[in-house]
Protein backbone atom coordinates (compact mmCIF):
# COMPACT_ATOMS: atom_id res chain seq x y z
CA UNK A 1 65.11 143.24 57.12
CA UNK A 2 66.98 140.64 58.62
CA UNK A 3 64.53 138.93 62.26
CA UNK A 4 66.41 136.07 62.43
CA UNK A 5 67.47 135.59 66.38
CA UNK A 6 70.55 133.65 67.33
CA UNK A 7 69.61 131.37 70.16
CA UNK A 8 71.71 131.67 73.51
CA UNK A 9 73.87 128.80 73.98
CA UNK A 10 73.12 126.19 76.53
CA UNK A 11 76.39 125.39 77.55
CA UNK A 12 79.24 127.73 77.23
CA UNK A 13 81.80 126.82 74.75
CA UNK A 14 84.64 127.99 77.70
CA UNK A 15 82.72 125.90 80.13
CA UNK A 16 83.19 122.44 77.71
CA UNK A 17 86.42 123.56 77.17
CA UNK A 18 87.62 123.87 80.88
CA UNK A 19 85.40 120.82 81.71
CA UNK A 20 87.09 118.87 78.42
CA UNK A 21 90.70 119.24 79.95
CA UNK A 22 89.56 118.90 83.82
CA UNK A 23 88.36 115.11 82.27
CA UNK A 24 92.17 114.89 80.54
CA UNK A 25 94.51 115.87 83.37
CA UNK A 26 92.80 113.20 85.78
CA UNK A 27 92.72 110.52 82.92
CA UNK A 28 96.09 111.17 82.25
CA UNK A 29 96.53 111.15 86.47
CA UNK A 30 94.74 108.09 86.82
CA UNK A 31 96.50 105.95 84.16
CA UNK A 32 100.08 106.76 85.45
CA UNK A 33 99.20 106.54 89.16
CA UNK A 34 97.77 102.82 87.98
CA UNK A 35 101.35 102.46 85.81
CA UNK A 36 102.94 103.36 88.72
CA UNK A 37 102.14 100.53 91.47
CA UNK A 38 101.81 102.23 93.87
CA UNK A 39 98.11 101.82 94.57
CA UNK A 40 97.83 97.77 93.55
CA UNK A 41 98.14 95.94 97.10
CA UNK A 42 100.32 93.47 97.42
CA UNK A 43 98.57 89.68 96.19
CA UNK A 44 101.39 87.94 98.18
CA UNK A 45 101.96 90.14 101.13
CA UNK A 46 102.64 87.52 104.18
CA UNK A 47 99.38 86.27 106.69
CA UNK A 48 99.94 88.03 110.08
CA UNK A 49 97.12 86.11 111.42
CA UNK A 50 94.75 84.04 109.90
CA UNK A 51 91.29 82.16 111.25
CA UNK A 52 88.97 80.10 109.37
CA UNK A 53 85.55 80.80 110.36
CA UNK A 54 82.42 79.20 109.78
CA UNK A 55 78.87 81.97 109.45
CA UNK A 56 76.05 80.22 111.16
CA UNK A 57 72.62 82.14 111.57
CA UNK A 58 70.29 81.10 114.68
CA UNK A 59 66.56 80.55 114.83
CA UNK A 60 65.92 83.82 116.97
CA UNK A 61 67.62 86.26 113.60
CA UNK A 62 70.85 85.65 115.28
CA UNK A 63 74.73 84.86 113.69
CA UNK A 64 76.93 82.51 115.57
CA UNK A 65 80.43 82.58 114.70
CA UNK A 66 82.28 79.53 115.16
CA UNK A 67 86.18 78.28 114.65
CA UNK A 68 85.95 75.98 112.05
CA UNK A 69 89.10 74.26 113.40
CA UNK A 70 88.41 74.18 116.81
CA UNK A 71 84.26 73.56 116.60
CA UNK A 72 84.19 76.50 119.52
CA UNK A 73 81.67 79.22 119.34
CA UNK A 74 83.91 82.56 118.82
CA UNK A 75 80.49 84.85 119.50
CA UNK A 76 77.02 85.14 118.96
CA UNK A 77 75.42 87.99 117.50
CA UNK A 78 72.04 89.39 117.57
CA UNK A 79 70.93 92.95 116.60
CA UNK A 80 71.47 94.64 113.00
CA UNK A 81 75.30 94.53 112.70
CA UNK A 82 74.43 95.67 109.02
CA UNK A 83 78.10 95.89 107.98
CA UNK A 84 78.80 92.71 108.85
CA UNK A 85 75.49 90.86 106.65
CA UNK A 86 75.69 92.54 103.69
CA UNK A 87 79.52 91.18 103.49
CA UNK A 88 78.26 87.92 104.60
CA UNK A 89 75.62 88.10 102.20
CA UNK A 90 77.38 89.01 98.84
CA UNK A 91 79.92 85.86 100.13
CA UNK A 92 76.33 83.56 100.11
CA UNK A 93 75.01 84.98 96.34
CA UNK A 94 78.30 84.36 95.05
CA UNK A 95 78.06 80.62 96.47
CA UNK A 96 74.33 80.24 95.51
CA UNK A 97 74.87 81.62 91.87
CA UNK A 98 77.91 78.64 91.66
CA UNK A 99 75.46 76.26 93.50
CA UNK A 100 78.32 75.64 96.51
CA UNK A 101 77.06 74.66 99.62
CA UNK A 102 76.60 77.95 102.53
CA UNK A 103 78.64 75.17 105.08
CA UNK A 104 81.96 75.51 104.24
CA UNK A 105 84.56 78.24 106.40
CA UNK A 106 84.75 81.68 105.06
CA UNK A 107 88.81 82.19 105.95
CA UNK A 108 90.15 85.79 107.56
CA UNK A 109 93.72 87.16 107.20
CA UNK A 110 95.69 90.09 107.91
CA UNK A 111 97.96 90.72 106.32
CA UNK A 112 101.73 92.48 106.57
CA UNK A 113 100.62 95.36 103.85
CA UNK A 114 97.74 96.07 106.12
CA UNK A 115 94.90 94.67 104.63
CA UNK A 116 91.99 92.16 106.65
CA UNK A 117 90.14 90.10 104.34
CA UNK A 118 87.53 88.11 103.73
CA UNK A 119 87.48 85.08 101.23
CA UNK A 120 85.69 82.05 100.42
CA UNK A 121 88.35 79.41 99.10
CA UNK A 122 85.40 78.17 97.99
CA UNK A 123 84.55 80.36 94.90
CA UNK A 124 87.86 82.76 95.14
CA UNK A 125 85.53 85.62 96.21
CA UNK A 126 87.16 87.79 98.80
CA UNK A 127 86.45 91.41 100.19
CA UNK A 128 89.15 93.52 102.16
CA UNK A 129 87.13 94.93 104.65
CA UNK A 130 89.58 97.68 105.68
CA UNK A 131 88.96 99.85 102.57
CA UNK A 132 85.00 100.21 104.04
CA UNK A 133 86.69 102.23 107.53
CA UNK A 134 88.59 100.92 110.59
CA UNK A 135 85.02 100.36 113.02
CA UNK A 136 83.64 98.35 110.37
CA UNK A 137 87.40 96.30 109.68
CA UNK A 138 87.18 95.64 114.04
CA UNK A 139 83.89 94.26 113.60
CA UNK A 140 85.58 90.64 111.90
CA UNK A 141 88.70 91.55 112.94
CA UNK A 142 88.37 90.85 116.56
CA UNK A 143 87.78 87.50 115.85
CA UNK A 144 91.45 86.24 114.83
CA UNK A 145 94.11 85.16 116.95
CA UNK A 146 96.21 87.66 117.96
CA UNK A 147 97.96 89.94 115.27
CA UNK A 148 101.76 88.02 116.45
CA UNK A 149 100.40 84.68 115.72
CA UNK A 150 100.96 82.60 112.77
CA UNK A 151 98.55 80.86 110.95
């Protein structure tokens, strides 16, 4: 008498085939979208407004935002401001890794393609602020000259 018991499948074969087909379709769609160039922002989109900013930590834990060209304080922030602090930390970390000073100004630019970019000319690093949502982008956009102004 053959009493061998067959173990049940942990994952049915049909589910594996469906999952593999879905993964293949996703990869093909992503590849086609990438090749189309529709998802890539234009690197050379004209600048609509731009300002060089310095962010200085204050003794009370606040942050002073200074226009690097004029030396005038644009704003003083107190409290959490988590997105702003996190964004600045990312750029400062890049500077520290390269042994650069933290006193150099960052460049905030509004581009014709809708991007709002905070970049560090010292390292070449840049962050597309709009990709984090309109409220987070607005935290920086308020320090730009009017959108019609040229840099």
